[in-house]
Amino acid sequence: MEYLDGLPIWIFFMGMVIVVLAASEIGFRFGIRLQDRGSFPGESRMTNSVVGGMLGLVAFLMAFSIGINIGHHGERKSMVVTEANAIGVAWLRAGFLEETDSRLMRKLLREYAQVRIAASNKEIELPAALKRSEQIHGELWVIVERNVRQGNDSDVMATLVEAVNDLINTHLIRLTAAYKRLPNILGIVLIMATVLSFLLVGVASSADRKRDTPAILLFAIVFSSVLMIMVDLDRPQEGTLTISQTAMADVLRRIEPLSE
């Protein structure tokens, strides 16, 4: 749902509450008008059936959408741990190199972890973080290539090559996971279905010409809260449901004291 990225989550929540309440009021007044014209059935069985069906459809769409977002959220969390492990393994195996290359590689790996954390905390812009990360990949690979060309092609060196390669691959996989979002069309359909449901609820509540304001308000808050959670999950580093960088911070803490 990239089209909502520029909208703060709390504004989206308040906006949805206002929109669905307005839809309910429009439906209520429309139902009264139809009754006054004599074209609205005296019994509301048909309307209640439609309302029940729409609410069931909205509930299904919400469950389906949140399920997708929870899957993406879990994948992003898992990739942070995987990448932290890849950095830790590469840092340890960098010790197989000569002192100069070992210190240089470990310095680059430490900077790499710092860049990833800074990007997640929005301390630096994502494009700049990605550019520097890819530069570090190149610098790490240059060190590996230089050692292999100098004849250091032992099985031990092969494990270092594997570690650096895993680090680069993990970056690509994590980047792919970060860009996984709820399809725009699904979000649009869900929001439209929610508004339409409240419109029908308003029409159905007009049967006895009495507004049930507390129930409608509670209903609006609950539905809007679920939509807010869906939007929150769709934004990895915004809102309250962000991706924890604990694993990355932990690996940085472990490699810093030993890297000097």
Foldseek 3Di string as FASTA:
>chain_A
DVVCVVPALVVLLVVLLVLLVVLLQLLQVVLVVCVVVVNHDLDCPVLVVVLVVLVVVLVVLLVVLVVQLVVLLVQLLVLLLQLLVLLLQLLVLLVVDPPVSNLVLLVLSLVLLVLVVCCLVVVDPPVVSVVSNVVSLVVNVVSLVVCVVVPPPDPSSVSSVVSSVSNVVSVVVSVVSQPDARDPVSLVVSSVSSSVSSNSNSSSVNSVPDDPVVVSSVVSSVSSVSNSVSVVSRHQRDDDSHRDNVSSVVSSVVSVVVSD
